[in-house]
PDB file of N, CA and C in Angstrom:
ATOM      1  N   MET A   1       5.441 -50.483  20.661  1.00  0.00           N
ATOM      2  CA  MET A   1       5.368 -51.462  21.741  1.00  0.00           C
ATOM      3  C   MET A   1       4.054 -51.226  22.479  1.00  0.00           C
ATOM      4  N   ASN A   2       3.239 -52.254  22.523  1.00  0.00           N
ATOM      5  CA  ASN A   2       1.929 -52.159  23.145  1.00  0.00           C
ATOM      6  C   ASN A   2       1.982 -52.684  24.574  1.00  0.00           C
ATOM      7  N   ILE A   3       2.019 -51.759  25.518  1.00  0.00           N
ATOM      8  CA  ILE A   3       2.085 -52.119  26.937  1.00  0.00           C
ATOM      9  C   ILE A   3       0.769 -51.740  27.591  1.00  0.00           C
ATOM     10  N   ASN A   4       0.172 -52.703  28.278  1.00  0.00           N
ATOM     11  CA  ASN A   4      -1.088 -52.467  28.977  1.00  0.00           C
ATOM     12  C   ASN A   4      -0.806 -52.255  30.459  1.00  0.00           C
ATOM     13  N   ILE A   5      -1.218 -51.107  30.950  1.00  0.00           N
ATOM     14  CA  ILE A   5      -1.040 -50.766  32.361  1.00  0.00           C
ATOM     15  C   ILE A   5      -2.409 -50.602  32.993  1.00  0.00           C
ATOM     16  N   ASP A   6      -2.585 -51.217  34.149  1.00  0.00           N
ATOM     17  CA  ASP A   6      -3.827 -51.073  34.898  1.00  0.00           C
ATOM     18  C   ASP A   6      -3.533 -50.148  36.083  1.00  0.00           C
ATOM     19  N   TYR A   7      -4.001 -48.923  35.970  1.00  0.00           N
ATOM     20  CA  TYR A   7      -3.699 -47.910  36.987  1.00  0.00           C
ATOM     21  C   TYR A   7      -4.466 -48.138  38.285  1.00  0.00           C
ATOM     22  N   THR A   8      -5.445 -49.057  38.266  1.00  0.00           N
ATOM     23  CA  THR A   8      -6.229 -49.328  39.469  1.00  0.00           C
ATOM     24  C   THR A   8      -5.641 -50.461  40.299  1.00  0.00           C
ATOM     25  N   LYS A   9      -4.668 -51.182  39.743  1.00  0.00           N
ATOM     26  CA  LYS A   9      -4.044 -52.297  40.457  1.00  0.00           C
ATOM     27  C   LYS A   9      -3.163 -51.793  41.582  1.00  0.00           C
ATOM     28  N   ARG A  10      -2.980 -52.633  42.563  1.00  0.00           N
ATOM     29  CA  ARG A  10      -2.071 -52.323  43.662  1.00  0.00           C
ATOM     30  C   ARG A  10      -0.619 -52.545  43.232  1.00  0.00           C
ATOM     31  N   GLU A  11      -0.399 -53.350  42.183  1.00  0.00           N
ATOM     32  CA  GLU A  11       0.942 -53.620  41.686  1.00  0.00           C
ATOM     33  C   GLU A  11       1.550 -52.332  41.136  1.00  0.00           C
ATOM     34  N   PRO A  12       2.769 -51.994  41.547  1.00  0.00           N
ATOM     35  CA  PRO A  12       3.402 -50.772  41.057  1.00  0.00           C
ATOM     36  C   PRO A  12       3.494 -50.760  39.529  1.00  0.00           C
ATOM     37  N   ILE A  13       3.391 -49.579  38.958  1.00  0.00           N
ATOM     38  CA  ILE A  13       3.407 -49.428  37.503  1.00  0.00           C
ATOM     39  C   ILE A  13       4.716 -49.933  36.915  1.00  0.00           C
ATOM     40  N   TYR A  14       5.831 -49.667  37.578  1.00  0.00           N
ATOM     41  CA  TYR A  14       7.114 -50.120  37.027  1.00  0.00           C
ATOM     42  C   TYR A  14       7.153 -51.641  36.936  1.00  0.00           C
ATOM     43  N   GLU A  15       6.550 -52.346  37.907  1.00  0.00           N
ATOM     44  CA  GLU A  15       6.507 -53.804  37.860  1.00  0.00           C
ATOM     45  C   GLU A  15       5.605 -54.285  36.726  1.00  0.00           C
ATOM     46  N   GLN A  16       4.525 -53.552  36.472  1.00  0.00           N
ATOM     47  CA  GLN A  16       3.646 -53.898  35.357  1.00  0.00           C
ATOM     48  C   GLN A  16       4.375 -53.744  34.022  1.00  0.00           C
ATOM     49  N   ILE A  17       5.184 -52.700  33.908  1.00  0.00           N
ATOM     50  CA  ILE A  17       5.964 -52.486  32.683  1.00  0.00           C
ATOM     51  C   ILE A  17       6.955 -53.636  32.491  1.00  0.00           C
ATOM     52  N   VAL A  18       7.650 -54.000  33.553  1.00  0.00           N
ATOM     53  CA  VAL A  18       8.611 -55.111  33.479  1.00  0.00           C
ATOM     54  C   VAL A  18       7.903 -56.376  33.028  1.00  0.00           C
ATOM     55  N   ARG A  19       6.770 -56.689  33.657  1.00  0.00           N
ATOM     56  CA  ARG A  19       6.018 -57.894  33.332  1.00  0.00           C
ATOM     57  C   ARG A  19       5.537 -57.876  31.889  1.00  0.00           C
ATOM     58  N   GLU A  20       5.065 -56.736  31.423  1.00  0.00           N
ATOM     59  CA  GLU A  20       4.568 -56.618  30.047  1.00  0.00           C
ATOM     60  C   GLU A  20       5.695 -56.803  29.031  1.00  0.00           C
ATOM     61  N   VAL A  21       6.850 -56.204  29.283  1.00  0.00           N
ATOM     62  CA  VAL A  21       7.982 -56.345  28.364  1.00  0.00           C
ATOM     63  C   VAL A  21       8.452 -57.798  28.353  1.00  0.00           C
ATOM     64  N   GLU A  22       8.533 -58.417  29.528  1.00  0.00           N
ATOM     65  CA  GLU A  22       8.912 -59.829  29.593  1.00  0.00           C
ATOM     66  C   GLU A  22       7.942 -60.681  28.781  1.00  0.00           C
ATOM     67  N   LYS A  23       6.649 -60.389  28.909  1.00  0.00           N
ATOM     68  CA  LYS A  23       5.632 -61.138  28.168  1.00  0.00           C
ATOM     69  C   LYS A  23       5.804 -60.952  26.664  1.00  0.00           C
ATOM     70  N   LEU A  24       6.028 -59.713  26.230  1.00  0.00           N
ATOM     71  CA  LEU A  24       6.206 -59.439  24.804  1.00  0.00           C
ATOM     72  C   LEU A  24       7.447 -60.143  24.247  1.00  0.00           C
ATOM     73  N   ILE A  25       8.497 -60.224  25.057  1.00  0.00           N
ATOM     74  CA  ILE A  25       9.704 -60.933  24.633  1.00  0.00           C
ATOM     75  C   ILE A  25       9.412 -62.431  24.528  1.00  0.00           C
ATOM     76  N   THR A  26       8.766 -62.978  25.552  1.00  0.00           N
ATOM     77  CA  THR A  26       8.456 -64.404  25.581  1.00  0.00           C
ATOM     78  C   THR A  26       7.554 -64.809  24.417  1.00  0.00           C
ATOM     79  N   LEU A  27       6.602 -63.959  24.068  1.00  0.00           N
ATOM     80  CA  LEU A  27       5.677 -64.259  22.974  1.00  0.00           C
ATOM     81  C   LEU A  27       6.285 -64.013  21.602  1.00  0.00           C
ATOM     82  N   GLY A  28       7.470 -63.405  21.576  1.00  0.00           N
ATOM     83  CA  GLY A  28       8.135 -63.153  20.308  1.00  0.00           C
ATOM     84  C   GLY A  28       7.736 -61.852  19.638  1.00  0.00           C
ATOM     85  N   ALA A  29       6.936 -61.041  20.328  1.00  0.00           N
ATOM     86  CA  ALA A  29       6.538 -59.744  19.774  1.00  0.00           C
ATOM     87  C   ALA A  29       7.711 -58.770  19.780  1.00  0.00           C
ATOM     88  N   LEU A  30       8.615 -58.944  20.719  1.00  0.00           N
ATOM     89  CA  LEU A  30       9.858 -58.169  20.759  1.00  0.00           C
ATOM     90  C   LEU A  30      10.994 -59.148  20.524  1.00  0.00           C
ATOM     91  N   THR A  31      11.719 -58.952  19.457  1.00  0.00           N
ATOM     92  CA  THR A  31      12.780 -59.879  19.074  1.00  0.00           C
ATOM     93  C   THR A  31      14.157 -59.298  19.393  1.00  0.00           C
ATOM     94  N   PRO A  32      15.147 -60.154  19.521  1.00  0.00           N
ATOM     95  CA  PRO A  32      16.507 -59.674  19.808  1.00  0.00           C
ATOM     96  C   PRO A  32      16.954 -58.623  18.791  1.00  0.00           C
ATOM     97  N   GLY A  33      17.516 -57.547  19.324  1.00  0.00           N
ATOM     98  CA  GLY A  33      18.017 -56.471  18.474  1.00  0.00           C
ATOM     99  C   GLY A  33      16.999 -55.400  18.151  1.00  0.00           C
ATOM    100  N   SER A  34      15.708 -55.670  18.439  1.00  0.00           N
ATOM    101  CA  SER A  34      14.705 -54.646  18.135  1.00  0.00           C
ATOM    102  C   SER A  34      14.784 -53.521  19.157  1.00  0.00           C
ATOM    103  N   GLN A  35      14.559 -52.314  18.677  1.00  0.00           N
ATOM    104  CA  GLN A  35      14.646 -51.132  19.536  1.00  0.00           C
ATOM    105  C   GLN A  35      13.308 -50.923  20.234  1.00  0.00           C
ATOM    106  N   ILE A  36      13.387 -50.527  21.490  1.00  0.00           N
ATOM    107  CA  ILE A  36      12.176 -50.203  22.242  1.00  0.00           C
ATOM    108  C   ILE A  36      12.151 -48.698  22.480  1.00  0.00           C
ATOM    109  N   PRO A  37      10.980 -48.157  22.820  1.00  0.00           N
ATOM    110  CA  PRO A  37      10.877 -46.702  23.005  1.00  0.00           C
ATOM    111  C   PRO A  37      11.813 -46.182  24.088  1.00  0.00           C
ATOM    112  N   SER A  38      12.205 -44.940  23.918  1.00  0.00           N
ATOM    113  CA  SER A  38      13.023 -44.296  24.945  1.00  0.00           C
ATOM    114  C   SER A  38      12.207 -44.143  26.220  1.00  0.00           C
ATOM    115  N   VAL A  39      12.889 -43.890  27.304  1.00  0.00           N
ATOM    116  CA  VAL A  39      12.219 -43.693  28.590  1.00  0.00           C
ATOM    117  C   VAL A  39      11.190 -42.569  28.475  1.00  0.00           C
ATOM    118  N   ARG A  40      11.603 -41.448  27.919  1.00  0.00           N
ATOM    119  CA  ARG A  40      10.695 -40.295  27.804  1.00  0.00           C
ATOM    120  C   ARG A  40       9.509 -40.590  26.904  1.00  0.00           C
ATOM    121  N   SER A  41       9.776 -41.267  25.789  1.00  0.00           N
ATOM    122  CA  SER A  41       8.717 -41.580  24.837  1.00  0.00           C
ATOM    123  C   SER A  41       7.673 -42.507  25.459  1.00  0.00           C
ATOM    124  N   LEU A  42       8.121 -43.569  26.119  1.00  0.00           N
ATOM    125  CA  LEU A  42       7.180 -44.498  26.739  1.00  0.00           C
ATOM    126  C   LEU A  42       6.424 -43.831  27.886  1.00  0.00           C
ATOM    127  N   ALA A  43       7.120 -43.022  28.661  1.00  0.00           N
ATOM    128  CA  ALA A  43       6.468 -42.301  29.762  1.00  0.00           C
ATOM    129  C   ALA A  43       5.372 -41.394  29.220  1.00  0.00           C
ATOM    130  N   TYR A  44       5.659 -40.709  28.133  1.00  0.00           N
ATOM    131  CA  TYR A  44       4.671 -39.820  27.513  1.00  0.00           C
ATOM    132  C   TYR A  44       3.472 -40.630  27.016  1.00  0.00           C
ATOM    133  N   ASP A  45       3.751 -41.734  26.324  1.00  0.00           N
ATOM    134  CA  ASP A  45       2.675 -42.578  25.781  1.00  0.00           C
ATOM    135  C   ASP A  45       1.769 -43.137  26.877  1.00  0.00           C
ATOM    136  N   LEU A  46       2.378 -43.500  28.012  1.00  0.00           N
ATOM    137  CA  LEU A  46       1.615 -44.087  29.113  1.00  0.00           C
ATOM    138  C   LEU A  46       1.060 -43.039  30.076  1.00  0.00           C
ATOM    139  N   GLY A  47       1.526 -41.801  29.936  1.00  0.00           N
ATOM    140  CA  GLY A  47       1.063 -40.732  30.825  1.00  0.00           C
ATOM    141  C   GLY A  47       1.577 -40.887  32.242  1.00  0.00           C
ATOM    142  N   ILE A  48       2.844 -41.325  32.354  1.00  0.00           N
ATOM    143  CA  ILE A  48       3.424 -41.537  33.677  1.00  0.00           C
ATOM    144  C   ILE A  48       4.759 -40.805  33.780  1.00  0.00           C
ATOM    145  N   ASN A  49       5.311 -40.794  34.974  1.00  0.00           N
ATOM    146  CA  ASN A  49       6.582 -40.138  35.236  1.00  0.00           C
ATOM    147  C   ASN A  49       7.719 -40.923  34.575  1.00  0.00           C
ATOM    148  N   PRO A  50       8.639 -40.241  33.905  1.00  0.00           N
ATOM    149  CA  PRO A  50       9.781 -40.933  33.290  1.00  0.00           C
ATOM    150  C   PRO A  50      10.608 -41.757  34.280  1.00  0.00           C
ATOM    151  N   ASN A  51      10.650 -41.335  35.542  1.00  0.00           N
ATOM    152  CA  ASN A  51      11.403 -42.093  36.550  1.00  0.00           C
ATOM    153  C   ASN A  51      10.829 -43.497  36.742  1.00  0.00           C
ATOM    154  N   THR A  52       9.514 -43.630  36.553  1.00  0.00           N
ATOM    155  CA  THR A  52       8.863 -44.936  36.672  1.00  0.00           C
ATOM    156  C   THR A  52       9.329 -45.857  35.553  1.00  0.00           C
ATOM    157  N   VAL A  53       9.373 -45.333  34.327  1.00  0.00           N
ATOM    158  CA  VAL A  53       9.843 -46.117  33.187  1.00  0.00           C
ATOM    159  C   VAL A  53      11.326 -46.436  33.362  1.00  0.00           C
ATOM    160  N   LYS A  54      12.089 -45.478  33.834  1.00  0.00           N
ATOM    161  CA  LYS A  54      13.529 -45.673  34.059  1.00  0.00           C
ATOM    162  C   LYS A  54      13.756 -46.816  35.037  1.00  0.00           C
ATOM    163  N   LYS A  55      12.967 -46.864  36.093  1.00  0.00           N
ATOM    164  CA  LYS A  55      13.098 -47.931  37.090  1.00  0.00           C
ATOM    165  C   LYS A  55      12.806 -49.287  36.447  1.00  0.00           C
ATOM    166  N   ALA A  56      11.777 -49.362  35.617  1.00  0.00           N
ATOM    167  CA  ALA A  56      11.443 -50.612  34.917  1.00  0.00           C
ATOM    168  C   ALA A  56      12.568 -51.012  33.975  1.00  0.00           C
ATOM    169  N   TYR A  57      13.080 -50.058  33.209  1.00  0.00           N
ATOM    170  CA  TYR A  57      14.168 -50.343  32.271  1.00  0.00           C
ATOM    171  C   TYR A  57      15.424 -50.792  33.013  1.00  0.00           C
ATOM    172  N   ASP A  58      15.694 -50.198  34.170  1.00  0.00           N
ATOM    173  CA  ASP A  58      16.854 -50.605  34.970  1.00  0.00           C
ATOM    174  C   ASP A  58      16.732 -52.069  35.395  1.00  0.00           C
ATOM    175  N   ILE A  59      15.534 -52.476  35.800  1.00  0.00           N
ATOM    176  CA  ILE A  59      15.300 -53.863  36.207  1.00  0.00           C
ATOM    177  C   ILE A  59      15.468 -54.797  35.010  1.00  0.00           C
ATOM    178  N   LEU A  60      14.903 -54.403  33.874  1.00  0.00           N
ATOM    179  CA  LEU A  60      15.015 -55.223  32.668  1.00  0.00           C
ATOM    180  C   LEU A  60      16.476 -55.357  32.229  1.00  0.00           C
ATOM    181  N   GLU A  61      17.225 -54.274  32.370  1.00  0.00           N
ATOM    182  CA  GLU A  61      18.642 -54.329  31.995  1.00  0.00           C
ATOM    183  C   GLU A  61      19.433 -55.188  32.978  1.00  0.00           C
ATOM    184  N   GLU A  62      19.113 -55.050  34.257  1.00  0.00           N
ATOM    185  CA  GLU A  62      19.763 -55.862  35.288  1.00  0.00           C
ATOM    186  C   GLU A  62      19.498 -57.352  35.055  1.00  0.00           C
ATOM    187  N   ASN A  63      18.299 -57.673  34.557  1.00  0.00           N
ATOM    188  CA  ASN A  63      17.940 -59.063  34.268  1.00  0.00           C
ATOM    189  C   ASN A  63      18.486 -59.543  32.930  1.00  0.00           C
ATOM    190  N   GLY A  64      19.163 -58.655  32.216  1.00  0.00           N
ATOM    191  CA  GLY A  64      19.790 -59.037  30.962  1.00  0.00           C
ATOM    192  C   GLY A  64      18.853 -59.100  29.765  1.00  0.00           C
ATOM    193  N   LEU A  65      17.682 -58.483  29.889  1.00  0.00           N
ATOM    194  CA  LEU A  65      16.703 -58.554  28.805  1.00  0.00           C
ATOM    195  C   LEU A  65      16.803 -57.403  27.813  1.00  0.00           C
ATOM    196  N   ILE A  66      17.321 -56.272  28.272  1.00  0.00           N
ATOM    197  CA  ILE A  66      17.511 -55.133  27.374  1.00  0.00           C
ATOM    198  C   ILE A  66      18.932 -54.605  27.530  1.00  0.00           C
ATOM    199  N   ILE A  67      19.355 -53.874  26.509  1.00  0.00           N
ATOM    200  CA  ILE A  67      20.680 -53.268  26.514  1.00  0.00           C
ATOM    201  C   ILE A  67      20.520 -51.810  26.104  1.00  0.00           C
ATOM    202  N   SER A  68      21.085 -50.911  26.888  1.00  0.00           N
ATOM    203  CA  SER A  68      21.084 -49.496  26.534  1.00  0.00           C
ATOM    204  C   SER A  68      22.412 -49.158  25.884  1.00  0.00           C
ATOM    205  N   LYS A  69      22.321 -48.603  24.692  1.00  0.00           N
ATOM    206  CA  LYS A  69      23.530 -48.187  23.975  1.00  0.00           C
ATOM    207  C   LYS A  69      23.540 -46.672  23.925  1.00  0.00           C
ATOM    208  N   SER A  70      24.560 -46.095  24.517  1.00  0.00           N
ATOM    209  CA  SER A  70      24.661 -44.650  24.612  1.00  0.00           C
ATOM    210  C   SER A  70      24.443 -43.990  23.251  1.00  0.00           C
ATOM    211  N   THR A  71      23.593 -43.032  23.211  1.00  0.00           N
ATOM    212  CA  THR A  71      23.209 -42.210  22.050  1.00  0.00           C
ATOM    213  C   THR A  71      22.483 -42.978  20.939  1.00  0.00           C
ATOM    214  N   LYS A  72      22.335 -44.299  21.080  1.00  0.00           N
ATOM    215  CA  LYS A  72      21.666 -45.082  20.032  1.00  0.00           C
ATOM    216  C   LYS A  72      20.284 -45.552  20.448  1.00  0.00           C
ATOM    217  N   GLY A  73      20.091 -45.774  21.746  1.00  0.00           N
ATOM    218  CA  GLY A  73      18.789 -46.213  22.222  1.00  0.00           C
ATOM    219  C   GLY A  73      18.856 -47.466  23.068  1.00  0.00           C
ATOM    220  N   THR A  74      17.696 -48.050  23.273  1.00  0.00           N
ATOM    221  CA  THR A  74      17.572 -49.252  24.091  1.00  0.00           C
ATOM    222  C   THR A  74      17.043 -50.374  23.217  1.00  0.00           C
ATOM    223  N   PHE A  75      17.659 -51.547  23.349  1.00  0.00           N
ATOM    224  CA  PHE A  75      17.363 -52.665  22.472  1.00  0.00           C
ATOM    225  C   PHE A  75      17.119 -53.943  23.265  1.00  0.00           C
ATOM    226  N   ILE A  76      16.367 -54.854  22.665  1.00  0.00           N
ATOM    227  CA  ILE A  76      16.174 -56.170  23.260  1.00  0.00           C
ATOM    228  C   ILE A  76      17.480 -56.941  23.092  1.00  0.00           C
ATOM    229  N   SER A  77      17.926 -57.564  24.167  1.00  0.00           N
ATOM    230  CA  SER A  77      19.202 -58.294  24.119  1.00  0.00           C
ATOM    231  C   SER A  77      19.039 -59.615  23.372  1.00  0.00           C
ATOM    232  N   ASP A  78      20.147 -60.229  23.085  1.00  0.00           N
ATOM    233  CA  ASP A  78      20.138 -61.536  22.426  1.00  0.00           C
ATOM    234  C   ASP A  78      19.771 -62.647  23.393  1.00  0.00           C
ATOM    235  N   ASN A  79      19.711 -62.324  24.662  1.00  0.00           N
ATOM    236  CA  ASN A  79      19.458 -63.309  25.709  1.00  0.00           C
ATOM    237  C   ASN A  79      17.963 -63.404  26.030  1.00  0.00           C
ATOM    238  N   THR A  80      17.117 -63.571  25.013  1.00  0.00           N
ATOM    239  CA  THR A  80      15.669 -63.596  25.246  1.00  0.00           C
ATOM    240  C   THR A  80      15.206 -64.864  25.940  1.00  0.00           C
ATOM    241  N   SER A  81      16.002 -65.919  25.902  1.00  0.00           N
ATOM    242  CA  SER A  81      15.613 -67.144  26.609  1.00  0.00           C
ATOM    243  C   SER A  81      15.530 -66.880  28.109  1.00  0.00           C
ATOM    244  N   LYS A  82      16.260 -65.867  28.563  1.00  0.00           N
ATOM    245  CA  LYS A  82      16.235 -65.484  29.979  1.00  0.00           C
ATOM    246  C   LYS A  82      14.833 -65.044  30.393  1.00  0.00           C
ATOM    247  N   ALA A  83      14.120 -64.365  29.506  1.00  0.00           N
ATOM    248  CA  ALA A  83      12.761 -63.912  29.812  1.00  0.00           C
ATOM    249  C   ALA A  83      11.851 -65.098  30.079  1.00  0.00           C
ATOM    250  N   LYS A  84      11.977 -66.110  29.251  1.00  0.00           N
ATOM    251  CA  LYS A  84      11.155 -67.308  29.425  1.00  0.00           C
ATOM    252  C   LYS A  84      11.501 -67.996  30.740  1.00  0.00           C
ATOM    253  N   GLU A  85      12.788 -68.096  31.046  1.00  0.00           N
ATOM    254  CA  GLU A  85      13.218 -68.710  32.301  1.00  0.00           C
ATOM    255  C   GLU A  85      12.661 -67.955  33.503  1.00  0.00           C
ATOM    256  N   LEU A  86      12.714 -66.621  33.449  1.00  0.00           N
ATOM    257  CA  LEU A  86      12.195 -65.801  34.546  1.00  0.00           C
ATOM    258  C   LEU A  86      10.695 -65.993  34.714  1.00  0.00           C
ATOM    259  N   LYS A  87       9.970 -66.076  33.607  1.00  0.00           N
ATOM    260  CA  LYS A  87       8.523 -66.248  33.666  1.00  0.00           C
ATOM    261  C   LYS A  87       8.176 -67.615  34.237  1.00  0.00           C
ATOM    262  N   ILE A  88       8.892 -68.649  33.796  1.00  0.00           N
ATOM    263  CA  ILE A  88       8.646 -69.991  34.317  1.00  0.00           C
ATOM    264  C   ILE A  88       8.907 -70.026  35.816  1.00  0.00           C
ATOM    265  N   GLU A  89      10.006 -69.404  36.236  1.00  0.00           N
ATOM    266  CA  GLU A  89      10.336 -69.339  37.663  1.00  0.00           C
ATOM    267  C   GLU A  89       9.226 -68.635  38.451  1.00  0.00           C
ATOM    268  N   GLU A  90       8.738 -67.523  37.914  1.00  0.00           N
ATOM    269  CA  GLU A  90       7.663 -66.771  38.570  1.00  0.00           C
ATOM    270  C   GLU A  90       6.404 -67.621  38.703  1.00  0.00           C
ATOM    271  N   LEU A  91       6.044 -68.331  37.646  1.00  0.00           N
ATOM    272  CA  LEU A  91       4.839 -69.160  37.677  1.00  0.00           C
ATOM    273  C   LEU A  91       4.987 -70.333  38.633  1.00  0.00           C
ATOM    274  N   ILE A  92       6.164 -70.932  38.679  1.00  0.00           N
ATOM    275  CA  ILE A  92       6.398 -72.030  39.617  1.00  0.00           C
ATOM    276  C   ILE A  92       6.299 -71.534  41.052  1.00  0.00           C
ATOM    277  N   ASN A  93       6.817 -70.340  41.310  1.00  0.00           N
ATOM    278  CA  ASN A  93       6.690 -69.758  42.653  1.00  0.00           C
ATOM    279  C   ASN A  93       5.230 -69.535  43.021  1.00  0.00           C
ATOM    280  N   LYS A  94       4.419 -69.099  42.057  1.00  0.00           N
ATOM    281  CA  LYS A  94       2.983 -68.914  42.321  1.00  0.00           C
ATOM    282  C   LYS A  94       2.316 -70.245  42.646  1.00  0.00           C
ATOM    283  N   ILE A  95       2.681 -71.286  41.879  1.00  0.00           N
ATOM    284  CA  ILE A  95       2.118 -72.613  42.139  1.00  0.00           C
ATOM    285  C   ILE A  95       2.485 -73.071  43.548  1.00  0.00           C
ATOM    286  N   ASN A  96       3.750 -72.860  43.939  1.00  0.00           N
ATOM    287  CA  ASN A  96       4.197 -73.254  45.280  1.00  0.00           C
ATOM    288  C   ASN A  96       3.425 -72.499  46.365  1.00  0.00           C
ATOM    289  N   GLU A  97       3.193 -71.203  46.148  1.00  0.00           N
ATOM    290  CA  GLU A  97       2.438 -70.406  47.124  1.00  0.00           C
ATOM    291  C   GLU A  97       1.008 -70.915  47.247  1.00  0.00           C
ATOM    292  N   ILE A  98       0.382 -71.192  46.116  1.00  0.00           N
ATOM    293  CA  ILE A  98      -0.994 -71.686  46.125  1.00  0.00           C
ATOM    294  C   ILE A  98      -1.060 -73.065  46.774  1.00  0.00           C
ATOM    295  N   THR A  99      -0.077 -73.913  46.485  1.00  0.00           N
ATOM    296  CA  THR A  99      -0.022 -75.246  47.081  1.00  0.00           C
ATOM    297  C   THR A  99       0.068 -75.147  48.599  1.00  0.00           C
ATOM    298  N   LYS A 100       0.949 -74.274  49.085  1.00  0.00           N
ATOM    299  CA  LYS A 100       1.085 -74.097  50.538  1.00  0.00           C
ATOM    300  C   LYS A 100      -0.215 -73.603  51.154  1.00  0.00           C
ATOM    301  N   GLU A 101      -0.873 -72.681  50.471  1.00  0.00           N
ATOM    302  CA  GLU A 101      -2.143 -72.159  50.992  1.00  0.00           C
ATOM    303  C   GLU A 101      -3.204 -73.252  51.035  1.00  0.00           C
ATOM    304  N   LEU A 102      -3.280 -74.068  49.981  1.00  0.00           N
ATOM    305  CA  LEU A 102      -4.240 -75.170  49.960  1.00  0.00           C
ATOM    306  C   LEU A 102      -3.948 -76.174  51.065  1.00  0.00           C
ATOM    307  N   GLU A 103      -2.661 -76.417  51.333  1.00  0.00           N
ATOM    308  CA  GLU A 103      -2.289 -77.346  52.398  1.00  0.00           C
ATOM    309  C   GLU A 103      -2.726 -76.833  53.766  1.00  0.00           C
ATOM    310  N   THR A 104      -2.740 -75.505  53.936  1.00  0.00           N
ATOM    311  CA  THR A 104      -3.215 -74.953  55.215  1.00  0.00           C
ATOM    312  C   THR A 104      -4.707 -75.215  55.416  1.00  0.00           C
ATOM    313  N   TYR A 105      -5.412 -75.479  54.315  1.00  0.00           N
ATOM    314  CA  TYR A 105      -6.835 -75.815  54.391  1.00  0.00           C
ATOM    315  C   TYR A 105      -7.054 -77.322  54.459  1.00  0.00           C
ATOM    316  N   GLY A 106      -5.952 -78.070  54.621  1.00  0.00           N
ATOM    317  CA  GLY A 106      -6.055 -79.503  54.818  1.00  0.00           C
ATOM    318  C   GLY A 106      -6.088 -80.336  53.550  1.00  0.00           C
ATOM    319  N   ILE A 107      -5.814 -79.727  52.405  1.00  0.00           N
ATOM    320  CA  ILE A 107      -5.805 -80.481  51.160  1.00  0.00           C
ATOM    321  C   ILE A 107      -4.395 -81.040  50.961  1.00  0.00           C
ATOM    322  N   LYS A 108      -4.326 -82.344  50.724  1.00  0.00           N
ATOM    323  CA  LYS A 108      -3.028 -83.006  50.564  1.00  0.00           C
ATOM    324  C   LYS A 108      -2.477 -82.771  49.155  1.00  0.00           C
ATOM    325  N   LYS A 109      -1.144 -82.852  49.048  1.00  0.00           N
ATOM    326  CA  LYS A 109      -0.472 -82.617  47.763  1.00  0.00           C
ATOM    327  C   LYS A 109      -1.011 -83.534  46.668  1.00  0.00           C
ATOM    328  N   GLU A 110      -1.302 -84.789  47.028  1.00  0.00           N
ATOM    329  CA  GLU A 110      -1.813 -85.734  46.047  1.00  0.00           C
ATOM    330  C   GLU A 110      -3.130 -85.238  45.443  1.00  0.00           C
ATOM    331  N   GLU A 111      -3.982 -84.684  46.298  1.00  0.00           N
ATOM    332  CA  GLU A 111      -5.276 -84.155  45.842  1.00  0.00           C
ATOM    333  C   GLU A 111      -5.077 -82.923  44.951  1.00  0.00           C
ATOM    334  N   ILE A 112      -4.128 -82.085  45.316  1.00  0.00           N
ATOM    335  CA  ILE A 112      -3.827 -80.898  44.526  1.00  0.00           C
ATOM    336  C   ILE A 112      -3.344 -81.301  43.129  1.00  0.00           C
ATOM    337  N   ILE A 113      -2.420 -82.271  43.098  1.00  0.00           N
ATOM    338  CA  ILE A 113      -1.882 -82.747  41.808  1.00  0.00           C
ATOM    339  C   ILE A 113      -2.984 -83.382  40.983  1.00  0.00           C
ATOM    340  N   LYS A 114      -3.830 -84.168  41.620  1.00  0.00           N
ATOM    341  CA  LYS A 114      -4.943 -84.816  40.906  1.00  0.00           C
ATOM    342  C   LYS A 114      -5.869 -83.781  40.281  1.00  0.00           C
ATOM    343  N   ARG A 115      -6.178 -82.735  41.002  1.00  0.00           N
ATOM    344  CA  ARG A 115      -7.077 -81.683  40.490  1.00  0.00           C
ATOM    345  C   ARG A 115      -6.417 -80.848  39.415  1.00  0.00           C
ATOM    346  N   MET A 116      -5.099 -80.694  39.499  1.00  0.00           N
ATOM    347  CA  MET A 116      -4.396 -79.916  38.471  1.00  0.00           C
ATOM    348  C   MET A 116      -4.397 -80.646  37.131  1.00  0.00           C
ATOM    349  N   LYS A 117      -4.386 -81.988  37.169  1.00  0.00           N
ATOM    350  CA  LYS A 117      -4.401 -82.774  35.939  1.00  0.00           C
ATOM    351  C   LYS A 117      -5.762 -82.705  35.322  1.00  0.00           C
TER     352      LYS A 117
END
């Protein structure tokens, strides 16, 4: 699993891991049923604390994207469409934030939509 972490970003590493795994699922690089590295293995590969990876995995499991099977490992769930839904929701929220910011500068929604097209 190829996860890119930017250690200079202000975004917490665990959030970067979550975002990267979601992206890999959405792009089809991680398919339902495929096994992902253990917490310790990924932490070692990334050179970070295992608790950071554990926190990311907990979020991914809470979102229904991964499943931990005792003594067998961690796997991508069959519910991969959820990853796409979460990403779309995140992007729409970003668009809404940017739209609100542009409106504070006096740009009307019609102008924003026109420029987006």
